PDB file of N, CA and C in Angstrom:
ATOM      1  N   VAL A   1     153.429  -1.187 160.374  1.00  0.00           N
ATOM      2  CA  VAL A   1     154.580  -0.249 161.174  1.00  0.00           C
ATOM      3  C   VAL A   1     153.917   0.853 160.422  1.00  0.00           C
ATOM      4  N   GLY A   2     154.083   0.965 159.291  1.00  0.00           N
ATOM      5  CA  GLY A   2     154.106   2.279 158.241  1.00  0.00           C
ATOM      6  C   GLY A   2     152.759   2.903 158.555  1.00  0.00           C
ATOM      7  N   ALA A   3     151.477   1.774 158.515  1.00  0.00           N
ATOM      8  CA  ALA A   3     150.390   2.355 158.883  1.00  0.00           C
ATOM      9  C   ALA A   3     150.074   2.843 160.096  1.00  0.00           C
ATOM     10  N   ALA A   4     150.892   2.499 161.083  1.00  0.00           N
ATOM     11  CA  ALA A   4     150.979   2.867 162.272  1.00  0.00           C
ATOM     12  C   ALA A   4     151.500   4.063 162.399  1.00  0.00           C
ATOM     13  N   TRP A   5     152.557   4.408 161.637  1.00  0.00           N
ATOM     14  CA  TRP A   5     153.407   5.673 161.808  1.00  0.00           C
ATOM     15  C   TRP A   5     152.382   6.847 161.114  1.00  0.00           C
ATOM     16  N   ARG A   6     151.582   6.202 159.476  1.00  0.00           N
ATOM     17  CA  ARG A   6     150.774   7.242 159.010  1.00  0.00           C
ATOM     18  C   ARG A   6     149.235   7.609 159.957  1.00  0.00           C
ATOM     19  N   ALA A   7     148.857   6.659 160.875  1.00  0.00           N
ATOM     20  CA  ALA A   7     147.794   7.035 161.556  1.00  0.00           C
ATOM     21  C   ALA A   7     148.207   8.313 162.707  1.00  0.00           C
ATOM     22  N   ALA A   8     149.602   7.785 163.326  1.00  0.00           N
ATOM     23  CA  ALA A   8     149.944   8.676 164.081  1.00  0.00           C
ATOM     24  C   ALA A   8     150.271  10.028 163.803  1.00  0.00           C
ATOM     25  N   GLY A   9     150.598  10.656 162.111  1.00  0.00           N
ATOM     26  CA  GLY A   9     150.798  11.212 161.210  1.00  0.00           C
ATOM     27  C   GLY A   9     149.938  12.288 161.310  1.00  0.00           C
ATOM     28  N   VAL A  10     148.566  11.283 160.826  1.00  0.00           N
ATOM     29  CA  VAL A  10     147.222  12.043 160.693  1.00  0.00           C
ATOM     30  C   VAL A  10     146.480  12.586 161.903  1.00  0.00           C
ATOM     31  N   GLU A  11     146.648  12.228 162.614  1.00  0.00           N
ATOM     32  CA  GLU A  11     146.058  12.585 164.219  1.00  0.00           C
ATOM     33  C   GLU A  11     146.984  13.858 164.559  1.00  0.00           C
ATOM     34  N   MET A  12     148.200  13.467 164.644  1.00  0.00           N
ATOM     35  CA  MET A  12     149.464  14.629 165.017  1.00  0.00           C
ATOM     36  C   MET A  12     148.597  15.997 164.155  1.00  0.00           C
ATOM     37  N   GLY A  13     148.664  15.719 163.094  1.00  0.00           N
ATOM     38  CA  GLY A  13     148.578  16.860 162.058  1.00  0.00           C
ATOM     39  C   GLY A  13     146.822  17.612 161.806  1.00  0.00           C
ATOM     40  N   SER A  14     146.091  16.623 162.405  1.00  0.00           N
ATOM     41  CA  SER A  14     144.897  17.224 162.921  1.00  0.00           C
ATOM     42  C   SER A  14     144.946  18.219 164.167  1.00  0.00           C
ATOM     43  N   LYS A  15     145.532  17.437 164.998  1.00  0.00           N
ATOM     44  CA  LYS A  15     145.506  17.902 166.090  1.00  0.00           C
ATOM     45  C   LYS A  15     146.274  19.650 165.913  1.00  0.00           C
ATOM     46  N   VAL A  16     147.313  19.732 165.359  1.00  0.00           N
ATOM     47  CA  VAL A  16     148.166  20.671 164.981  1.00  0.00           C
ATOM     48  C   VAL A  16     147.334  21.591 164.097  1.00  0.00           C
ATOM     49  N   ALA A  17     146.570  21.119 162.990  1.00  0.00           N
ATOM     50  CA  ALA A  17     145.437  21.996 162.408  1.00  0.00           C
ATOM     51  C   ALA A  17     144.397  22.761 163.361  1.00  0.00           C
ATOM     52  N   ILE A  18     143.859  22.200 163.787  1.00  0.00           N
ATOM     53  CA  ILE A  18     142.952  22.321 164.945  1.00  0.00           C
ATOM     54  C   ILE A  18     143.181  23.510 165.629  1.00  0.00           C
ATOM     55  N   PHE A  19     144.724  23.070 166.680  1.00  0.00           N
ATOM     56  CA  PHE A  19     145.125  24.267 167.203  1.00  0.00           C
ATOM     57  C   PHE A  19     145.669  25.492 166.546  1.00  0.00           C
ATOM     58  N   GLY A  20     146.106  25.526 165.640  1.00  0.00           N
ATOM     59  CA  GLY A  20     146.289  26.688 164.077  1.00  0.00           C
ATOM     60  C   GLY A  20     144.905  27.486 164.238  1.00  0.00           C
ATOM     61  N   LEU A  21     143.975  26.601 164.027  1.00  0.00           N
ATOM     62  CA  LEU A  21     142.824  27.473 163.644  1.00  0.00           C
ATOM     63  C   LEU A  21     142.756  27.920 164.504  1.00  0.00           C
ATOM     64  N   GLY A  22     142.690  27.566 165.875  1.00  0.00           N
ATOM     65  CA  GLY A  22     142.057  28.034 167.264  1.00  0.00           C
ATOM     66  C   GLY A  22     142.564  29.330 167.535  1.00  0.00           C
ATOM     67  N   SER A  23     144.158  28.841 167.286  1.00  0.00           N
ATOM     68  CA  SER A  23     145.362  30.255 167.778  1.00  0.00           C
ATOM     69  C   SER A  23     144.563  31.392 166.480  1.00  0.00           C
ATOM     70  N   VAL A  24     144.146  31.162 165.752  1.00  0.00           N
ATOM     71  CA  VAL A  24     143.970  32.366 164.429  1.00  0.00           C
ATOM     72  C   VAL A  24     142.665  32.745 165.366  1.00  0.00           C
ATOM     73  N   GLY A  25     141.642  32.546 165.345  1.00  0.00           N
ATOM     74  CA  GLY A  25     140.712  32.539 165.857  1.00  0.00           C
ATOM     75  C   GLY A  25     140.501  33.484 166.884  1.00  0.00           C
ATOM     76  N   LEU A  26     141.894  32.990 167.975  1.00  0.00           N
ATOM     77  CA  LEU A  26     141.791  34.084 169.184  1.00  0.00           C
ATOM     78  C   LEU A  26     142.322  35.052 168.950  1.00  0.00           C
ATOM     79  N   ALA A  27     143.319  35.611 167.955  1.00  0.00           N
ATOM     80  CA  ALA A  27     144.247  36.452 167.536  1.00  0.00           C
ATOM     81  C   ALA A  27     142.734  37.181 167.096  1.00  0.00           C
TER      82      ALA A  27
END
């Protein structure tokens, strides 16, 4: 269970980071 949560957290974190960089690039 821990590994699954960790993988989900990494995936979500990467999406948030990409979205954040995209927002900064568009700004």
